[in-house]
N, C-alpha and C. Protein backbone atom coordinates (compact mmCIF):
# COMPACT_ATOMS: atom_id res chain seq x y z
N MET A 1 80.81 49.32 -71.38
CA MET A 1 80.38 49.31 -69.91
C MET A 1 80.19 48.18 -69.32
N GLU A 2 80.19 47.89 -68.20
CA GLU A 2 79.83 46.72 -67.11
C GLU A 2 78.64 45.83 -67.44
N LEU A 3 78.84 44.90 -67.59
CA LEU A 3 77.56 43.94 -67.85
C LEU A 3 77.56 43.82 -66.32
N ILE A 4 76.42 44.24 -65.82
CA ILE A 4 75.62 43.32 -64.44
C ILE A 4 74.42 43.15 -64.39
N GLY A 5 73.88 42.41 -65.45
CA GLY A 5 72.70 41.78 -65.31
C GLY A 5 72.20 41.04 -66.40
N ARG A 6 71.95 39.64 -66.23
CA ARG A 6 71.41 38.85 -67.32
C ARG A 6 69.96 38.54 -67.06
N GLY A 7 68.80 38.56 -68.15
CA GLY A 7 68.03 37.92 -67.77
C GLY A 7 67.90 37.08 -69.11
N ARG A 8 66.61 36.46 -69.38
CA ARG A 8 66.41 35.22 -70.59
C ARG A 8 66.56 35.77 -71.91
N GLU A 9 66.14 37.39 -71.41
CA GLU A 9 65.88 37.96 -72.75
C GLU A 9 66.81 38.68 -73.13
N ALA A 10 67.28 39.64 -72.28
CA ALA A 10 67.84 41.07 -72.00
C ALA A 10 69.50 40.69 -71.42
N ASP A 11 70.42 41.84 -71.76
CA ASP A 11 71.17 42.27 -70.64
C ASP A 11 71.23 43.39 -70.15
N VAL A 12 71.59 43.59 -69.34
CA VAL A 12 71.55 45.13 -68.31
C VAL A 12 72.95 45.61 -68.02
N PHE A 13 73.26 46.52 -68.43
CA PHE A 13 74.68 47.14 -68.47
C PHE A 13 74.73 48.38 -67.53
N ALA A 14 75.66 48.87 -66.69
CA ALA A 14 75.80 49.93 -65.42
C ALA A 14 76.51 51.09 -66.70
N VAL A 15 75.47 52.57 -66.93
CA VAL A 15 76.34 53.49 -67.75
C VAL A 15 76.94 54.17 -66.84
N ASP A 16 75.96 54.69 -65.78
CA ASP A 16 76.98 55.16 -64.89
C ASP A 16 76.40 55.00 -63.38
N GLN A 17 76.44 55.90 -61.97
CA GLN A 17 75.92 55.17 -60.83
C GLN A 17 74.49 55.81 -60.55
N ARG A 18 74.18 56.53 -61.76
CA ARG A 18 72.41 56.51 -61.45
C ARG A 18 71.46 56.09 -62.74
N ARG A 19 72.35 55.29 -63.77
CA ARG A 19 71.43 54.86 -65.03
C ARG A 19 72.23 53.52 -65.19
N VAL A 20 71.31 52.74 -65.92
CA VAL A 20 71.58 51.56 -66.48
C VAL A 20 70.83 51.36 -68.08
N LEU A 21 71.68 50.28 -68.72
CA LEU A 21 71.20 50.52 -70.10
C LEU A 21 70.82 48.68 -70.28
N ARG A 22 69.70 48.73 -70.95
CA ARG A 22 69.32 47.46 -70.94
C ARG A 22 68.85 47.28 -72.31
N ARG A 23 69.48 46.17 -72.49
CA ARG A 23 69.33 45.57 -74.38
C ARG A 23 69.10 44.45 -74.54
N THR A 24 67.77 44.42 -75.53
CA THR A 24 67.18 42.92 -75.75
C THR A 24 67.97 42.46 -76.73
N ARG A 25 68.38 41.26 -76.61
CA ARG A 25 68.99 40.05 -77.48
C ARG A 25 68.65 39.82 -78.85
N ASP A 26 67.73 39.88 -79.05
CA ASP A 26 66.31 40.10 -80.43
C ASP A 26 66.69 41.00 -81.12
N GLY A 27 67.02 42.61 -80.35
CA GLY A 27 66.90 43.33 -81.16
C GLY A 27 65.44 44.27 -81.13
N ARG A 28 64.53 43.80 -80.04
CA ARG A 28 63.03 44.32 -80.48
C ARG A 28 63.35 45.77 -79.88
N ASP A 29 62.47 46.61 -80.40
CA ASP A 29 62.35 47.85 -80.08
C ASP A 29 61.77 47.85 -78.75
N ALA A 30 62.49 49.06 -78.11
CA ALA A 30 61.92 49.27 -76.37
C ALA A 30 61.58 50.16 -76.52
N GLU A 31 61.49 50.73 -77.37
CA GLU A 31 60.19 52.08 -77.68
C GLU A 31 58.75 51.64 -76.91
N PRO A 32 58.42 50.89 -77.16
CA PRO A 32 56.82 50.79 -76.53
C PRO A 32 57.12 50.71 -75.01
N GLU A 33 58.23 49.70 -74.46
CA GLU A 33 58.20 49.75 -73.14
C GLU A 33 58.46 50.82 -72.34
N ALA A 34 59.05 51.56 -72.83
CA ALA A 34 59.67 52.97 -72.21
C ALA A 34 58.36 53.92 -72.35
N ARG A 35 57.05 53.39 -73.32
CA ARG A 35 56.11 54.23 -73.24
C ARG A 35 55.35 53.86 -72.24
N LEU A 36 55.35 52.98 -72.15
CA LEU A 36 54.52 52.15 -70.88
C LEU A 36 54.80 52.23 -69.60
N LEU A 37 56.32 52.47 -69.39
CA LEU A 37 56.94 52.84 -67.76
C LEU A 37 56.35 54.62 -67.97
N ARG A 38 56.51 54.93 -68.77
CA ARG A 38 56.15 56.74 -68.49
C ARG A 38 54.58 57.00 -68.18
N HIS A 39 53.41 55.81 -68.80
CA HIS A 39 52.22 55.83 -68.44
C HIS A 39 52.13 55.55 -67.12
N LEU A 40 52.70 54.12 -66.81
CA LEU A 40 52.48 53.80 -65.70
C LEU A 40 53.20 54.74 -64.29
N ALA A 41 54.00 55.91 -64.46
CA ALA A 41 54.65 56.67 -63.52
C ALA A 41 53.77 57.85 -63.56
N GLY A 42 52.83 57.98 -64.39
CA GLY A 42 52.12 58.99 -64.36
C GLY A 42 50.80 58.80 -63.67
N HIS A 43 50.82 57.63 -63.17
CA HIS A 43 49.66 56.98 -62.62
C HIS A 43 50.04 56.94 -61.12
N GLY A 44 51.57 56.66 -61.23
CA GLY A 44 52.03 56.75 -59.67
C GLY A 44 52.61 55.16 -59.39
N TYR A 45 52.20 54.36 -60.41
CA TYR A 45 52.95 53.30 -59.92
C TYR A 45 54.59 53.09 -60.07
N PRO A 46 55.45 51.98 -59.13
CA PRO A 46 56.57 52.36 -58.95
C PRO A 46 57.23 51.53 -60.01
N VAL A 47 58.11 52.06 -60.84
CA VAL A 47 58.52 51.90 -62.18
C VAL A 47 59.92 52.62 -62.27
N PRO A 48 60.88 51.86 -62.69
CA PRO A 48 62.20 53.11 -63.20
C PRO A 48 61.90 54.30 -63.76
N GLU A 49 62.75 54.98 -63.51
CA GLU A 49 62.48 56.60 -64.74
C GLU A 49 63.20 55.90 -65.82
N VAL A 50 62.56 56.56 -66.67
CA VAL A 50 62.75 55.91 -68.16
C VAL A 50 63.99 57.58 -68.50
N TYR A 51 65.30 57.13 -68.82
CA TYR A 51 65.89 58.37 -69.51
C TYR A 51 65.95 58.75 -70.92
N ASP A 52 66.13 57.18 -71.82
CA ASP A 52 66.46 57.39 -72.92
C ASP A 52 65.98 56.16 -73.53
N VAL A 53 65.62 56.01 -74.59
CA VAL A 53 65.24 54.73 -75.93
C VAL A 53 66.18 55.33 -77.23
N ASP A 54 66.63 54.07 -77.73
CA ASP A 54 67.06 54.04 -78.67
C ASP A 54 66.98 52.62 -79.25
N GLY A 55 66.46 52.44 -80.39
CA GLY A 55 66.14 50.95 -81.01
C GLY A 55 65.74 50.12 -79.86
N ALA A 56 67.10 48.86 -79.76
CA ALA A 56 67.01 47.82 -78.51
C ALA A 56 67.19 48.25 -77.31
N ASP A 57 67.86 49.78 -77.11
CA ASP A 57 68.79 50.03 -76.18
C ASP A 57 67.51 51.10 -75.10
N LEU A 58 67.55 50.55 -73.92
CA LEU A 58 66.50 51.36 -72.95
C LEU A 58 67.41 51.88 -71.74
N VAL A 59 67.55 53.00 -71.27
CA VAL A 59 68.53 54.03 -70.32
C VAL A 59 67.35 53.96 -69.57
N MET A 60 67.41 53.31 -68.21
CA MET A 60 66.45 53.62 -67.14
C MET A 60 67.83 53.92 -65.78
N GLU A 61 66.92 54.35 -64.49
CA GLU A 61 66.95 54.63 -63.24
C GLU A 61 68.14 53.34 -62.80
N ARG A 62 69.06 53.33 -62.48
CA ARG A 62 69.69 52.49 -61.69
C ARG A 62 68.97 52.40 -60.41
N LEU A 63 68.59 51.13 -59.83
CA LEU A 63 68.01 50.90 -58.75
C LEU A 63 69.00 50.27 -57.67
N SER A 64 68.72 50.37 -56.42
CA SER A 64 69.58 49.76 -55.23
C SER A 64 68.69 48.98 -55.27
N GLY A 65 69.07 47.47 -54.37
CA GLY A 65 68.50 47.08 -53.57
C GLY A 65 68.15 45.38 -54.12
N PRO A 66 67.85 44.45 -53.11
CA PRO A 66 68.12 42.96 -53.65
C PRO A 66 66.41 42.51 -54.52
N ASN A 67 66.54 41.81 -54.74
CA ASN A 67 65.02 41.61 -55.51
C ASN A 67 63.86 40.90 -54.02
N MET A 68 62.99 40.64 -54.47
CA MET A 68 62.08 39.85 -53.60
C MET A 68 62.34 38.29 -53.65
N SER A 69 62.69 37.71 -54.54
CA SER A 69 63.16 36.28 -53.79
C SER A 69 64.54 36.13 -53.50
N GLU A 70 65.39 36.93 -53.54
CA GLU A 70 66.75 36.94 -52.71
C GLU A 70 66.16 37.32 -50.97
N VAL A 71 65.73 38.38 -51.04
CA VAL A 71 64.85 38.15 -49.41
C VAL A 71 64.01 37.29 -49.28
N ALA A 72 63.32 36.51 -49.55
CA ALA A 72 62.90 35.54 -49.43
C ALA A 72 63.66 34.44 -49.22
N ARG A 73 64.41 34.36 -49.95
CA ARG A 73 65.61 32.97 -49.37
C ARG A 73 66.35 33.28 -48.52
N SER A 74 66.66 34.24 -48.00
CA SER A 74 67.61 34.56 -46.95
C SER A 74 66.89 35.08 -45.71
N GLN A 75 65.43 35.43 -46.00
CA GLN A 75 64.50 35.79 -44.97
C GLN A 75 63.42 34.98 -44.68
N PRO A 76 63.31 33.35 -44.94
CA PRO A 76 62.04 32.90 -45.08
C PRO A 76 60.76 33.39 -44.41
N TRP A 77 61.36 34.14 -43.19
CA TRP A 77 60.04 34.07 -42.06
C TRP A 77 59.40 35.37 -42.64
N ARG A 78 59.37 36.16 -43.91
CA ARG A 78 59.42 37.13 -44.46
C ARG A 78 58.32 36.64 -45.39
N ALA A 79 58.14 35.55 -45.98
CA ALA A 79 57.55 35.29 -47.17
C ALA A 79 55.84 35.70 -47.04
N ARG A 80 55.12 35.46 -45.85
CA ARG A 80 53.45 36.33 -45.73
C ARG A 80 53.70 37.73 -46.13
N GLY A 81 54.70 38.70 -45.67
CA GLY A 81 54.72 39.73 -45.75
C GLY A 81 54.90 40.17 -46.93
N LEU A 82 56.06 39.31 -47.85
CA LEU A 82 56.34 39.53 -49.10
C LEU A 82 55.24 39.27 -49.98
N GLY A 83 54.65 38.02 -49.60
CA GLY A 83 53.25 37.66 -50.67
C GLY A 83 52.65 38.82 -50.64
N ALA A 84 51.93 39.26 -48.91
CA ALA A 84 51.42 40.63 -49.46
C ALA A 84 51.52 41.90 -50.06
N THR A 85 53.35 41.92 -50.04
CA THR A 85 53.48 43.44 -51.03
C THR A 85 53.39 43.08 -52.46
N LEU A 86 53.37 41.65 -52.65
CA LEU A 86 53.30 41.26 -54.31
C LEU A 86 51.78 41.58 -54.66
N GLY A 87 51.38 41.10 -53.75
CA GLY A 87 49.51 41.32 -54.18
C GLY A 87 49.06 42.54 -54.16
N ARG A 88 49.76 43.27 -53.39
CA ARG A 88 49.39 44.79 -53.47
C ARG A 88 49.79 45.42 -54.98
N LEU A 89 50.93 44.97 -55.22
CA LEU A 89 51.76 45.55 -56.72
C LEU A 89 50.36 45.40 -57.63
N HIS A 90 50.10 43.78 -57.59
CA HIS A 90 49.17 43.55 -58.31
C HIS A 90 47.81 44.38 -58.47
N ARG A 91 47.60 44.38 -56.90
CA ARG A 91 45.89 45.04 -57.31
C ARG A 91 46.03 46.71 -57.53
N SER A 92 47.43 47.36 -57.48
CA SER A 92 47.00 48.87 -57.86
C SER A 92 47.61 48.96 -59.61
N LEU A 93 48.35 47.91 -60.07
CA LEU A 93 48.95 47.80 -61.17
C LEU A 93 47.50 47.79 -61.87
N HIS A 94 46.32 46.96 -61.33
CA HIS A 94 45.11 46.88 -62.35
C HIS A 94 44.02 47.97 -62.10
N ALA A 95 44.70 48.95 -61.23
CA ALA A 95 43.84 50.35 -61.10
C ALA A 95 44.40 50.78 -62.29
N VAL A 96 45.31 50.34 -62.90
CA VAL A 96 45.63 51.68 -64.31
C VAL A 96 45.22 51.32 -65.14
N PRO A 97 44.32 52.22 -66.07
CA PRO A 97 43.66 51.45 -67.33
C PRO A 97 44.61 51.12 -68.57
N ALA A 98 44.34 50.55 -69.43
CA ALA A 98 45.21 50.35 -70.58
C ALA A 98 44.87 51.28 -71.23
N PRO A 99 46.22 51.66 -71.78
CA PRO A 99 46.33 53.09 -73.06
C PRO A 99 45.75 52.11 -74.08
N ALA A 100 44.72 53.17 -75.35
CA ALA A 100 44.70 52.33 -76.70
C ALA A 100 45.46 51.54 -77.26
N TRP A 101 47.22 52.18 -76.92
CA TRP A 101 48.13 51.50 -78.01
C TRP A 101 48.43 50.63 -77.30
N LEU A 102 48.22 49.74 -76.60
CA LEU A 102 48.77 48.75 -75.94
C LEU A 102 47.91 47.41 -76.17
N PRO A 103 49.14 46.65 -76.91
CA PRO A 103 48.31 45.06 -77.48
C PRO A 103 47.54 43.95 -76.31
N PRO A 104 46.85 43.64 -76.83
CA PRO A 104 45.87 42.80 -75.84
C PRO A 104 46.90 41.69 -75.80
N ALA A 105 46.60 41.31 -74.34
CA ALA A 105 46.82 39.87 -74.33
C ALA A 105 46.42 38.73 -74.61
N THR A 106 44.89 38.64 -74.90
CA THR A 106 44.31 37.42 -75.82
C THR A 106 43.76 38.34 -76.64
N ALA A 107 43.59 36.97 -77.68
CA ALA A 107 42.80 37.52 -78.96
C ALA A 107 41.34 37.84 -78.90
N ASP A 108 40.65 37.41 -77.52
CA ASP A 108 39.15 38.31 -77.36
C ASP A 108 38.98 39.41 -77.17
N ASP A 109 40.64 40.21 -77.22
CA ASP A 109 40.91 41.71 -76.39
C ASP A 109 40.00 42.25 -75.33
N ASP A 110 40.12 41.58 -74.37
CA ASP A 110 39.45 41.79 -72.98
C ASP A 110 40.97 42.49 -72.24
N ARG A 111 40.51 44.17 -72.47
CA ARG A 111 41.63 45.16 -71.97
C ARG A 111 41.41 45.49 -70.77
N PRO A 112 40.77 45.77 -69.98
CA PRO A 112 40.48 46.69 -68.77
C PRO A 112 41.56 47.48 -68.29
N CYS A 113 42.95 46.74 -68.13
CA CYS A 113 44.04 47.34 -67.06
C CYS A 113 45.35 46.63 -67.98
N VAL A 114 46.30 47.79 -67.46
CA VAL A 114 47.49 47.07 -67.59
C VAL A 114 48.03 45.89 -66.93
N VAL A 115 48.62 45.13 -67.73
CA VAL A 115 49.00 43.60 -66.84
C VAL A 115 50.29 43.14 -67.18
N HIS A 116 51.00 43.18 -66.13
CA HIS A 116 52.55 42.54 -66.97
C HIS A 116 53.16 41.50 -67.02
N LEU A 117 51.95 40.40 -66.66
CA LEU A 117 52.24 38.70 -67.50
C LEU A 117 53.54 38.18 -66.86
N ASP A 118 54.34 38.85 -66.02
CA ASP A 118 55.59 38.48 -65.26
C ASP A 118 55.95 38.65 -63.81
N LEU A 119 54.70 39.30 -63.32
CA LEU A 119 55.03 39.79 -61.72
C LEU A 119 55.26 38.64 -60.72
N HIS A 120 56.84 38.37 -60.60
CA HIS A 120 56.94 36.99 -60.01
C HIS A 120 58.34 37.75 -59.13
N PRO A 121 58.66 37.40 -58.27
CA PRO A 121 59.43 38.24 -57.19
C PRO A 121 60.88 38.21 -57.78
N ASP A 122 61.22 37.89 -58.67
CA ASP A 122 62.52 38.06 -59.28
C ASP A 122 62.81 39.54 -59.96
N ASN A 123 61.09 39.96 -60.50
CA ASN A 123 60.87 40.98 -61.21
C ASN A 123 60.55 42.24 -60.08
N VAL A 124 60.65 42.17 -58.63
CA VAL A 124 60.47 43.43 -57.62
C VAL A 124 61.85 43.50 -57.02
N LEU A 125 62.24 44.56 -57.02
CA LEU A 125 63.43 45.27 -56.33
C LEU A 125 62.90 45.49 -55.36
N LEU A 126 63.38 45.23 -54.13
CA LEU A 126 63.25 46.10 -52.80
C LEU A 126 63.86 47.13 -52.59
N THR A 127 63.70 48.68 -52.77
CA THR A 127 64.99 49.84 -52.82
C THR A 127 64.42 50.69 -51.83
N PRO A 128 65.33 51.51 -51.32
CA PRO A 128 65.06 52.73 -50.25
C PRO A 128 63.87 53.11 -50.78
N ARG A 129 63.27 53.52 -51.73
CA ARG A 129 61.91 54.33 -52.32
C ARG A 129 61.08 53.24 -51.80
N GLY A 130 61.17 52.04 -51.98
CA GLY A 130 59.88 51.08 -51.64
C GLY A 130 60.47 49.83 -52.86
N PRO A 131 59.13 49.32 -53.42
CA PRO A 131 58.89 47.92 -53.83
C PRO A 131 58.72 48.52 -55.40
N VAL A 132 59.84 48.24 -56.67
CA VAL A 132 59.72 48.71 -58.19
C VAL A 132 59.81 47.72 -58.45
N VAL A 133 59.04 47.64 -59.61
CA VAL A 133 58.66 46.61 -60.43
C VAL A 133 59.23 46.62 -61.60
N ILE A 134 60.00 45.25 -62.15
CA ILE A 134 61.22 45.64 -63.44
C ILE A 134 60.31 44.85 -64.43
N ASP A 135 61.01 44.49 -65.55
CA ASP A 135 61.17 43.93 -66.66
C ASP A 135 59.65 43.70 -67.62
N TRP A 136 59.47 44.82 -67.92
CA TRP A 136 58.09 45.14 -68.61
C TRP A 136 58.01 44.32 -70.01
N ALA A 137 58.84 44.06 -70.60
CA ALA A 137 58.76 43.77 -72.12
C ALA A 137 57.70 42.52 -72.09
N ASN A 138 57.03 42.14 -71.55
CA ASN A 138 55.82 41.09 -71.78
C ASN A 138 54.18 41.62 -71.64
N SER A 139 54.40 43.22 -70.89
CA SER A 139 53.47 43.44 -70.63
C SER A 139 52.04 43.75 -71.72
N ALA A 140 51.07 43.91 -71.42
CA ALA A 140 49.56 44.07 -72.48
C ALA A 140 48.72 44.64 -71.83
N ALA A 141 47.58 44.60 -72.49
CA ALA A 141 46.10 45.29 -72.25
C ALA A 141 45.57 43.85 -71.64
N GLY A 142 44.78 43.59 -70.26
CA GLY A 142 44.45 42.49 -70.19
C GLY A 142 43.43 42.44 -68.56
N THR A 143 43.16 41.25 -67.92
CA THR A 143 42.20 41.08 -67.21
C THR A 143 43.16 40.96 -65.93
N ALA A 144 42.85 41.63 -64.82
CA ALA A 144 43.66 40.97 -63.51
C ALA A 144 43.42 39.78 -63.31
N ALA A 145 42.67 38.88 -63.59
CA ALA A 145 42.49 37.45 -63.22
C ALA A 145 43.84 36.56 -63.84
N LEU A 146 43.66 37.08 -65.32
CA LEU A 146 45.04 36.50 -65.84
C LEU A 146 46.53 36.88 -65.02
N ASP A 147 46.39 38.04 -64.71
CA ASP A 147 47.58 38.47 -64.63
C ASP A 147 48.24 37.89 -63.23
N VAL A 148 47.45 37.80 -62.34
CA VAL A 148 47.82 37.04 -61.36
C VAL A 148 47.68 35.53 -61.29
N ALA A 149 47.14 34.88 -62.31
CA ALA A 149 46.90 33.34 -62.78
C ALA A 149 48.51 33.11 -63.26
N MET A 150 49.12 33.86 -64.19
CA MET A 150 50.39 33.86 -64.47
C MET A 150 51.33 33.93 -63.72
N THR A 151 51.64 34.68 -62.41
CA THR A 151 52.33 34.56 -61.44
C THR A 151 52.24 33.57 -60.87
N LEU A 152 51.32 32.51 -60.66
CA LEU A 152 50.71 31.56 -60.06
C LEU A 152 51.45 30.56 -60.54
N VAL A 153 51.22 30.53 -61.83
CA VAL A 153 51.28 29.35 -63.16
C VAL A 153 53.11 29.61 -63.33
N ILE A 154 53.93 30.81 -63.06
CA ILE A 154 55.36 31.04 -62.97
C ILE A 154 55.75 29.92 -61.74
N LEU A 155 55.08 30.49 -60.94
CA LEU A 155 55.94 30.07 -59.38
C LEU A 155 55.72 28.53 -59.40
N LEU A 156 54.61 28.48 -59.83
CA LEU A 156 54.14 26.65 -59.13
C LEU A 156 55.09 25.88 -60.50
N GLY A 157 55.48 26.45 -61.50
CA GLY A 157 56.18 25.99 -62.55
C GLY A 157 57.50 25.98 -62.61
N ILE A 158 57.95 26.03 -61.24
CA ILE A 158 59.77 25.93 -61.22
C ILE A 158 59.78 24.83 -60.81
N GLU A 159 61.40 24.46 -61.00
CA GLU A 159 61.66 23.50 -60.24
C GLU A 159 62.30 23.50 -58.42
N LEU A 160 61.82 23.08 -57.45
CA LEU A 160 62.26 23.74 -56.18
C LEU A 160 62.49 22.37 -55.10
N ARG A 161 63.22 22.98 -54.46
CA ARG A 161 63.37 21.90 -53.41
C ARG A 161 61.87 21.96 -52.50
N ALA A 162 61.89 20.96 -51.69
CA ALA A 162 60.86 20.92 -50.70
C ALA A 162 60.68 21.92 -49.98
N HIS A 163 61.73 22.88 -49.05
CA HIS A 163 61.36 24.25 -48.22
C HIS A 163 60.85 25.24 -48.89
N GLU A 164 61.82 24.99 -50.31
CA GLU A 164 61.17 26.04 -50.93
C GLU A 164 59.61 26.28 -52.07
N ARG A 165 59.24 24.76 -51.84
CA ARG A 165 58.11 24.85 -52.37
C ARG A 165 56.94 25.17 -51.37
N LEU A 166 57.55 25.04 -50.12
CA LEU A 166 56.63 25.54 -48.88
C LEU A 166 56.75 26.82 -48.67
N LEU A 167 57.65 27.71 -48.84
CA LEU A 167 58.15 29.14 -49.18
C LEU A 167 57.14 29.82 -50.04
N ILE A 168 56.98 29.49 -51.18
CA ILE A 168 56.42 29.48 -52.67
C ILE A 168 55.02 29.93 -51.95
N ARG A 169 54.45 28.44 -51.54
CA ARG A 169 53.17 28.50 -51.20
C ARG A 169 52.69 29.44 -49.99
N VAL A 170 53.21 29.71 -48.94
CA VAL A 170 52.95 31.15 -48.15
C VAL A 170 52.75 32.06 -48.80
N LEU A 171 53.87 32.25 -49.69
CA LEU A 171 54.05 33.73 -50.43
C LEU A 171 52.91 33.97 -51.33
N LEU A 172 52.44 32.80 -52.13
CA LEU A 172 51.44 32.52 -53.04
C LEU A 172 49.95 32.93 -52.27
N SER A 173 49.80 32.35 -51.10
CA SER A 173 48.66 32.51 -50.18
C SER A 173 48.37 34.03 -49.88
N ALA A 174 49.32 34.06 -49.25
CA ALA A 174 48.82 35.64 -48.72
C ALA A 174 49.20 36.58 -50.26
N MET A 175 49.78 36.91 -51.35
CA MET A 175 49.55 37.29 -52.50
C MET A 175 48.18 37.48 -52.89
N ARG A 176 47.53 36.04 -52.75
CA ARG A 176 45.80 35.91 -52.92
C ARG A 176 45.30 36.96 -52.40
N ARG A 177 45.40 36.93 -50.94
CA ARG A 177 44.57 37.77 -50.26
C ARG A 177 44.77 38.95 -50.21
N ALA A 178 45.54 39.47 -50.74
CA ALA A 178 45.83 40.99 -50.93
C ALA A 178 45.43 41.39 -52.21
N CYS A 179 45.81 40.36 -53.37
CA CYS A 179 45.38 41.21 -55.07
C CYS A 179 43.99 41.46 -54.94
N GLY A 180 43.36 41.01 -54.05
CA GLY A 180 41.81 41.02 -54.12
C GLY A 180 41.34 40.41 -55.44
N THR A 181 41.84 39.95 -56.24
CA THR A 181 41.27 39.08 -57.53
C THR A 181 41.39 37.20 -57.79
N ASP A 182 40.28 36.92 -57.94
CA ASP A 182 40.43 35.46 -58.18
C ASP A 182 40.99 35.07 -59.23
N PRO A 183 41.91 34.34 -59.21
CA PRO A 183 42.58 33.64 -60.75
C PRO A 183 42.13 32.42 -61.32
N ARG A 184 41.29 31.81 -60.49
CA ARG A 184 41.13 30.44 -61.35
C ARG A 184 40.71 30.37 -62.16
N PRO A 185 39.69 31.46 -62.85
CA PRO A 185 38.95 31.66 -64.44
C PRO A 185 40.35 31.66 -65.26
N ALA A 186 41.27 32.05 -65.02
CA ALA A 186 42.02 32.37 -66.23
C ALA A 186 43.04 31.67 -66.09
N LEU A 187 43.14 30.42 -65.04
CA LEU A 187 44.81 29.31 -65.23
C LEU A 187 44.93 28.94 -66.37
N PRO A 188 43.60 28.25 -66.89
CA PRO A 188 43.94 27.62 -68.26
C PRO A 188 44.52 28.39 -69.26
N ALA A 189 44.16 29.67 -69.56
CA ALA A 189 44.62 30.48 -70.37
C ALA A 189 46.00 30.34 -70.04
N ALA A 190 46.35 30.94 -68.71
CA ALA A 190 48.13 31.61 -68.10
C ALA A 190 48.89 30.20 -68.42
N VAL A 191 48.34 29.12 -68.16
CA VAL A 191 48.99 27.95 -68.44
C VAL A 191 48.99 27.64 -69.79
N THR A 192 48.31 27.99 -70.79
CA THR A 192 48.70 28.08 -72.47
C THR A 192 50.25 28.83 -72.49
N ARG A 193 49.76 30.01 -72.15
CA ARG A 193 50.52 31.34 -72.55
C ARG A 193 51.75 30.79 -71.45
N ARG A 194 52.08 30.41 -70.69
CA ARG A 194 53.14 30.18 -69.92
C ARG A 194 54.04 28.85 -71.34
N LEU A 195 53.42 28.00 -71.62
CA LEU A 195 53.50 26.96 -72.58
C LEU A 195 54.32 27.37 -73.58
N ALA A 196 53.56 28.57 -74.31
CA ALA A 196 54.39 28.94 -75.15
C ALA A 196 55.61 29.74 -75.32
N ASP A 197 56.15 30.34 -74.04
CA ASP A 197 57.03 30.77 -74.03
C ASP A 197 58.18 29.74 -74.37
N PRO A 198 59.45 29.85 -75.18
CA PRO A 198 60.44 29.41 -75.85
C PRO A 198 61.53 29.34 -75.25
N ASN A 199 61.27 30.17 -73.89
CA ASN A 199 62.62 30.06 -73.04
C ASN A 199 62.61 28.89 -71.82
N LEU A 200 61.02 28.37 -71.51
CA LEU A 200 60.92 27.28 -70.71
C LEU A 200 61.93 26.13 -70.78
N THR A 201 62.47 25.29 -69.73
CA THR A 201 63.25 24.69 -69.77
C THR A 201 62.22 23.17 -70.29
N PRO A 202 62.51 21.83 -70.41
CA PRO A 202 61.53 21.17 -70.48
C PRO A 202 61.32 20.50 -69.13
N HIS A 203 62.07 20.61 -68.01
CA HIS A 203 61.50 20.42 -66.74
C HIS A 203 60.48 21.28 -65.92
N GLU A 204 60.30 22.88 -66.54
CA GLU A 204 59.71 23.79 -66.29
C GLU A 204 58.60 23.19 -67.25
N ALA A 205 58.29 23.12 -68.59
CA ALA A 205 57.44 22.80 -69.10
C ALA A 205 56.95 21.32 -68.98
N ALA A 206 57.06 20.87 -68.30
CA ALA A 206 56.75 19.46 -67.92
C ALA A 206 55.35 19.90 -66.36
N LEU A 207 56.05 20.49 -65.67
CA LEU A 207 55.54 21.01 -64.44
C LEU A 207 54.50 22.33 -64.71
N VAL A 208 54.53 22.73 -65.86
CA VAL A 208 53.41 23.56 -66.42
C VAL A 208 52.22 23.02 -66.70
N THR A 209 52.60 21.72 -67.66
CA THR A 209 51.82 20.98 -68.43
C THR A 209 50.70 20.08 -67.63
N ARG A 210 51.57 19.50 -66.17
CA ARG A 210 50.91 19.12 -64.89
C ARG A 210 49.82 19.94 -64.54
N LEU A 211 50.34 21.14 -64.37
CA LEU A 211 49.29 22.45 -63.65
C LEU A 211 48.02 22.34 -64.68
N GLY A 212 48.23 22.44 -65.86
CA GLY A 212 47.43 22.62 -67.17
C GLY A 212 46.14 21.40 -67.20
N ARG A 213 46.69 20.20 -66.27
CA ARG A 213 45.82 18.86 -66.34
C ARG A 213 44.89 19.20 -65.04
N ARG A 214 45.53 19.74 -64.41
CA ARG A 214 45.35 20.23 -63.24
C ARG A 214 43.85 21.33 -62.95
N TYR A 215 44.30 22.00 -63.86
CA TYR A 215 42.90 23.55 -64.00
C TYR A 215 42.79 23.41 -65.03
N GLY A 216 42.52 22.46 -66.02
CA GLY A 216 42.40 22.60 -67.52
C GLY A 216 40.60 21.99 -67.48
């Protein structure tokens, strides 16, 4: 199979024109993610269709179209509209109740809805059928505030050039208006969670630590 994508935790291979296989490098069982994708699809949320799952291998719909980050970089004048789309994706996700089998995002077991916890522009594909959210490996049951706060911390905690920082701030401002959720109460928890990510680079960790001092 042809390798067509490589993330921090998994590789994606083309199976054929309509299917891809996503394989986690650590051998983590993909069944929980497949189960969640089917739950979300049942509530009308835009996710890839699941065809099969076998251990670490998840066979899903092959999607066409750029991700939101690619569009924002090539067409920066669309940043406000893209941010509003991201905010609406948050809002509609947080209307999906968390199933009992989904693990909680935090130790206090506050779990009213499904949360993605990695819902940023790289994980939104702009397809002919509309935006589709991918990469649900970190998802859990939690609060809307934590999910939105994670998006803020992720995007503000990456190394950017000056014009890119402005682009991200415009996008995040529009996202916050559209999502209908105040992330501020959950920002310290989001910073702590982000710093626990073993894939964080030293520079990213320093940026996130700075955010923690600001919001802690």
